[in-house]
């Protein structure tokens, strides 16, 4: 009975959505940091290709 009541509660869904959004944002920021770190370590792939055809 409590599970049915919980699933109908809008606060539960809002909190679940908020937690999921925050976790996705955190993962995205960590991924961006990893990409920046990679670029600092190895440089961008197209740095030396400009003007060469």
PDB file of N, CA and C in Angstrom:
ATOM      1  N   UNK A   1       0.818  -1.202   0.000  1.00  0.00           N
ATOM      2  CA  UNK A   1       0.000   0.000   0.000  1.00  0.00           C
ATOM      3  C   UNK A   1       0.861   1.265   0.000  1.00  0.00           C
ATOM      4  N   UNK A   2       1.945   1.253   0.751  1.00  0.00           N
ATOM      5  CA  UNK A   2       2.813   2.433   0.818  1.00  0.00           C
ATOM      6  C   UNK A   2       3.504   2.695  -0.522  1.00  0.00           C
ATOM      7  N   UNK A   3       3.838   1.628  -1.231  1.00  0.00           N
ATOM      8  CA  UNK A   3       4.517   1.796  -2.517  1.00  0.00           C
ATOM      9  C   UNK A   3       3.605   2.488  -3.527  1.00  0.00           C
ATOM     10  N   UNK A   4       2.344   2.108  -3.553  1.00  0.00           N
ATOM     11  CA  UNK A   4       1.395   2.749  -4.475  1.00  0.00           C
ATOM     12  C   UNK A   4       1.238   4.227  -4.143  1.00  0.00           C
ATOM     13  N   UNK A   5       1.186   4.524  -2.856  1.00  0.00           N
ATOM     14  CA  UNK A   5       1.047   5.929  -2.429  1.00  0.00           C
ATOM     15  C   UNK A   5       2.297   6.722  -2.816  1.00  0.00           C
ATOM     16  N   UNK A   6       3.449   6.098  -2.645  1.00  0.00           N
ATOM     17  CA  UNK A   6       4.704   6.764  -2.965  1.00  0.00           C
ATOM     18  C   UNK A   6       4.813   7.050  -4.464  1.00  0.00           C
ATOM     19  N   UNK A   7       4.396   6.099  -5.296  1.00  0.00           N
ATOM     20  CA  UNK A   7       4.483   6.279  -6.741  1.00  0.00           C
ATOM     21  C   UNK A   7       3.539   7.362  -7.248  1.00  0.00           C
ATOM     22  N   UNK A   8       2.488   7.647  -6.518  1.00  0.00           N
ATOM     23  CA  UNK A   8       1.555   8.698  -6.924  1.00  0.00           C
ATOM     24  C   UNK A   8       1.980  10.068  -6.398  1.00  0.00           C
ATOM     25  N   UNK A   9       2.944  10.101  -5.514  1.00  0.00           N
ATOM     26  CA  UNK A   9       3.373  11.359  -4.885  1.00  0.00           C
ATOM     27  C   UNK A   9       4.236  12.162  -5.850  1.00  0.00           C
ATOM     28  N   UNK A  10       3.832  13.386  -6.127  1.00  0.00           N
ATOM     29  CA  UNK A  10       4.576  14.244  -7.057  1.00  0.00           C
ATOM     30  C   UNK A  10       5.923  14.659  -6.475  1.00  0.00           C
ATOM     31  N   UNK A  11       6.016  14.806  -5.172  1.00  0.00           N
ATOM     32  CA  UNK A  11       7.290  15.180  -4.549  1.00  0.00           C
ATOM     33  C   UNK A  11       8.349  14.106  -4.789  1.00  0.00           C
ATOM     34  N   UNK A  12       7.939  12.844  -4.748  1.00  0.00           N
ATOM     35  CA  UNK A  12       8.862  11.736  -5.001  1.00  0.00           C
ATOM     36  C   UNK A  12       9.440  11.832  -6.407  1.00  0.00           C
ATOM     37  N   UNK A  13       8.581  12.077  -7.403  1.00  0.00           N
ATOM     38  CA  UNK A  13       9.042  12.165  -8.779  1.00  0.00           C
ATOM     39  C   UNK A  13       9.913  13.393  -9.002  1.00  0.00           C
ATOM     40  N   UNK A  14       9.550  14.497  -8.383  1.00  0.00           N
ATOM     41  CA  UNK A  14      10.367  15.706  -8.512  1.00  0.00           C
ATOM     42  C   UNK A  14      11.752  15.487  -7.904  1.00  0.00           C
ATOM     43  N   UNK A  15      11.799  14.884  -6.716  1.00  0.00           N
ATOM     44  CA  UNK A  15      13.086  14.618  -6.063  1.00  0.00           C
ATOM     45  C   UNK A  15      13.921  13.645  -6.885  1.00  0.00           C
ATOM     46  N   UNK A  16      13.284  12.628  -7.448  1.00  0.00           N
ATOM     47  CA  UNK A  16      14.003  11.660  -8.284  1.00  0.00           C
ATOM     48  C   UNK A  16      14.581  12.337  -9.520  1.00  0.00           C
ATOM     49  N   UNK A  17      13.776  13.188 -10.148  1.00  0.00           N
ATOM     50  CA  UNK A  17      14.252  13.903 -11.324  1.00  0.00           C
ATOM     51  C   UNK A  17      15.409  14.827 -10.970  1.00  0.00           C
ATOM     52  N   UNK A  18      15.291  15.524  -9.860  1.00  0.00           N
ATOM     53  CA  UNK A  18      16.336  16.454  -9.439  1.00  0.00           C
ATOM     54  C   UNK A  18      17.646  15.724  -9.153  1.00  0.00           C
ATOM     55  N   UNK A  19      17.572  14.597  -8.475  1.00  0.00           N
ATOM     56  CA  UNK A  19      18.771  13.817  -8.166  1.00  0.00           C
ATOM     57  C   UNK A  19      19.406  13.283  -9.441  1.00  0.00           C
ATOM     58  N   UNK A  20      18.571  12.796 -10.364  1.00  0.00           N
ATOM     59  CA  UNK A  20      19.091  12.281 -11.637  1.00  0.00           C
ATOM     60  C   UNK A  20      19.748  13.384 -12.448  1.00  0.00           C
ATOM     61  N   UNK A  21      19.125  14.553 -12.487  1.00  0.00           N
ATOM     62  CA  UNK A  21      19.688  15.685 -13.230  1.00  0.00           C
ATOM     63  C   UNK A  21      21.021  16.110 -12.628  1.00  0.00           C
ATOM     64  N   UNK A  22      21.096  16.177 -11.290  1.00  0.00           N
ATOM     65  CA  UNK A  22      22.336  16.584 -10.630  1.00  0.00           C
ATOM     66  C   UNK A  22      23.452  15.568 -10.891  1.00  0.00           C
ATOM     67  N   UNK A  23      23.115  14.287 -10.871  1.00  0.00           N
ATOM     68  CA  UNK A  23      24.127  13.263 -11.144  1.00  0.00           C
ATOM     69  C   UNK A  23      24.613  13.347 -12.590  1.00  0.00           C
ATOM     70  N   UNK A  24      23.702  13.591 -13.517  1.00  0.00           N
ATOM     71  CA  UNK A  24      24.098  13.728 -14.920  1.00  0.00           C
ATOM     72  C   UNK A  24      24.968  14.958 -15.124  1.00  0.00           C
ATOM     73  N   UNK A  25      24.635  16.044 -14.464  1.00  0.00           N
ATOM     74  CA  UNK A  25      25.444  17.257 -14.565  1.00  0.00           C
ATOM     75  C   UNK A  25      26.845  17.025 -14.012  1.00  0.00           C
ATOM     76  N   UNK A  26      26.926  16.336 -12.887  1.00  0.00           N
ATOM     77  CA  UNK A  26      28.222  16.030 -12.287  1.00  0.00           C
ATOM     78  C   UNK A  26      29.056  15.155 -13.227  1.00  0.00           C
ATOM     79  N   UNK A  27      28.433  14.151 -13.820  1.00  0.00           N
ATOM     80  CA  UNK A  27      29.147  13.269 -14.744  1.00  0.00           C
ATOM     81  C   UNK A  27      29.611  14.047 -15.972  1.00  0.00           C
ATOM     82  N   UNK A  28      28.780  14.938 -16.471  1.00  0.00           N
ATOM     83  CA  UNK A  28      29.158  15.746 -17.624  1.00  0.00           C
ATOM     84  C   UNK A  28      30.347  16.646 -17.295  1.00  0.00           C
ATOM     85  N   UNK A  29      30.328  17.266 -16.128  1.00  0.00           N
ATOM     86  CA  UNK A  29      31.429  18.144 -15.733  1.00  0.00           C
ATOM     87  C   UNK A  29      32.722  17.348 -15.561  1.00  0.00           C
ATOM     88  N   UNK A  30      32.635  16.145 -15.017  1.00  0.00           N
ATOM     89  CA  UNK A  30      33.822  15.307 -14.872  1.00  0.00           C
ATOM     90  C   UNK A  30      34.362  14.910 -16.247  1.00  0.00           C
ATOM     91  N   UNK A  31      33.468  14.607 -17.196  1.00  0.00           N
ATOM     92  CA  UNK A  31      33.880  14.253 -18.552  1.00  0.00           C
ATOM     93  C   UNK A  31      34.568  15.434 -19.231  1.00  0.00           C
ATOM     94  N   UNK A  32      34.011  16.632 -19.052  1.00  0.00           N
ATOM     95  CA  UNK A  32      34.619  17.835 -19.637  1.00  0.00           C
ATOM     96  C   UNK A  32      36.001  18.080 -19.041  1.00  0.00           C
ATOM     97  N   UNK A  33      36.142  17.854 -17.751  1.00  0.00           N
ATOM     98  CA  UNK A  33      37.435  18.035 -17.097  1.00  0.00           C
ATOM     99  C   UNK A  33      38.452  17.039 -17.659  1.00  0.00           C
ATOM    100  N   UNK A  34      37.997  15.805 -17.891  1.00  0.00           N
ATOM    101  CA  UNK A  34      38.883  14.788 -18.449  1.00  0.00           C
ATOM    102  C   UNK A  34      39.314  15.181 -19.862  1.00  0.00           C
ATOM    103  N   UNK A  35      38.398  15.721 -20.650  1.00  0.00           N
ATOM    104  CA  UNK A  35      38.726  16.146 -22.005  1.00  0.00           C
ATOM    105  C   UNK A  35      39.745  17.291 -21.982  1.00  0.00           C
ATOM    106  N   UNK A  36      39.549  18.260 -21.085  1.00  0.00           N
ATOM    107  CA  UNK A  36      40.490  19.378 -20.978  1.00  0.00           C
ATOM    108  C   UNK A  36      41.869  18.892 -20.552  1.00  0.00           C
ATOM    109  N   UNK A  37      41.890  17.954 -19.611  1.00  0.00           N
ATOM    110  CA  UNK A  37      43.159  17.403 -19.147  1.00  0.00           C
ATOM    111  C   UNK A  37      43.878  16.683 -20.288  1.00  0.00           C
ATOM    112  N   UNK A  38      43.128  15.943 -21.101  1.00  0.00           N
ATOM    113  CA  UNK A  38      43.716  15.240 -22.239  1.00  0.00           C
ATOM    114  C   UNK A  38      44.290  16.220 -23.245  1.00  0.00           C
ATOM    115  N   UNK A  39      43.558  17.306 -23.509  1.00  0.00           N
ATOM    116  CA  UNK A  39      44.033  18.302 -24.468  1.00  0.00           C
ATOM    117  C   UNK A  39      45.288  19.003 -23.954  1.00  0.00           C
ATOM    118  N   UNK A  40      45.366  19.249 -22.649  1.00  0.00           N
ATOM    119  CA  UNK A  40      46.562  19.878 -22.095  1.00  0.00           C
ATOM    120  C   UNK A  40      47.759  18.938 -22.188  1.00  0.00           C
ATOM    121  N   UNK A  41      47.502  17.659 -21.990  1.00  0.00           N
ATOM    122  CA  UNK A  41      48.601  16.702 -21.992  1.00  0.00           C
ATOM    123  C   UNK A  41      49.094  16.397 -23.406  1.00  0.00           C
ATOM    124  N   UNK A  42      48.174  16.196 -24.349  1.00  0.00           N
ATOM    125  CA  UNK A  42      48.552  15.764 -25.686  1.00  0.00           C
ATOM    126  C   UNK A  42      48.333  16.822 -26.760  1.00  0.00           C
ATOM    127  N   UNK A  43      47.649  17.896 -26.446  1.00  0.00           N
ATOM    128  CA  UNK A  43      47.362  18.920 -27.437  1.00  0.00           C
ATOM    129  C   UNK A  43      46.164  18.539 -28.287  1.00  0.00           C
ATOM    130  N   UNK A  44      45.622  19.514 -28.967  1.00  0.00           N
ATOM    131  CA  UNK A  44      44.484  19.248 -29.853  1.00  0.00           C
ATOM    132  C   UNK A  44      44.973  18.506 -31.084  1.00  0.00           C
ATOM    133  N   UNK A  45      44.146  17.673 -31.644  1.00  0.00           N
ATOM    134  CA  UNK A  45      44.550  16.859 -32.792  1.00  0.00           C
ATOM    135  C   UNK A  45      44.824  17.684 -34.037  1.00  0.00           C
ATOM    136  N   UNK A  46      44.147  18.813 -34.203  1.00  0.00           N
ATOM    137  CA  UNK A  46      44.297  19.601 -35.427  1.00  0.00           C
ATOM    138  C   UNK A  46      45.162  20.854 -35.230  1.00  0.00           C
ATOM    139  N   UNK A  47      46.017  20.882 -34.205  1.00  0.00           N
ATOM    140  CA  UNK A  47      46.868  22.058 -33.969  1.00  0.00           C
ATOM    141  C   UNK A  47      47.858  22.276 -35.117  1.00  0.00           C
ATOM    142  N   UNK A  48      48.470  21.213 -35.627  1.00  0.00           N
ATOM    143  CA  UNK A  48      49.505  21.363 -36.639  1.00  0.00           C
ATOM    144  C   UNK A  48      49.011  21.229 -38.060  1.00  0.00           C
ATOM    145  N   UNK A  49      47.727  21.066 -38.258  1.00  0.00           N
ATOM    146  CA  UNK A  49      47.197  20.816 -39.586  1.00  0.00           C
ATOM    147  C   UNK A  49      46.742  22.082 -40.317  1.00  0.00           C
ATOM    148  N   UNK A  50      46.782  23.214 -39.714  1.00  0.00           N
ATOM    149  CA  UNK A  50      46.231  24.414 -40.333  1.00  0.00           C
ATOM    150  C   UNK A  50      47.148  24.906 -41.450  1.00  0.00           C
ATOM    151  N   UNK A  51      46.571  25.106 -42.608  1.00  0.00           N
ATOM    152  CA  UNK A  51      47.331  25.627 -43.729  1.00  0.00           C
ATOM    153  C   UNK A  51      48.034  24.566 -44.542  1.00  0.00           C
ATOM    154  N   UNK A  52      47.943  23.314 -44.170  1.00  0.00           N
ATOM    155  CA  UNK A  52      48.607  22.255 -44.908  1.00  0.00           C
ATOM    156  C   UNK A  52      47.597  21.498 -45.737  1.00  0.00           C
ATOM    157  N   UNK A  53      47.695  21.613 -47.053  1.00  0.00           N
ATOM    158  CA  UNK A  53      46.828  20.853 -47.961  1.00  0.00           C
ATOM    159  C   UNK A  53      47.588  20.331 -49.123  1.00  0.00           C
TER     160      UNK A  53
END
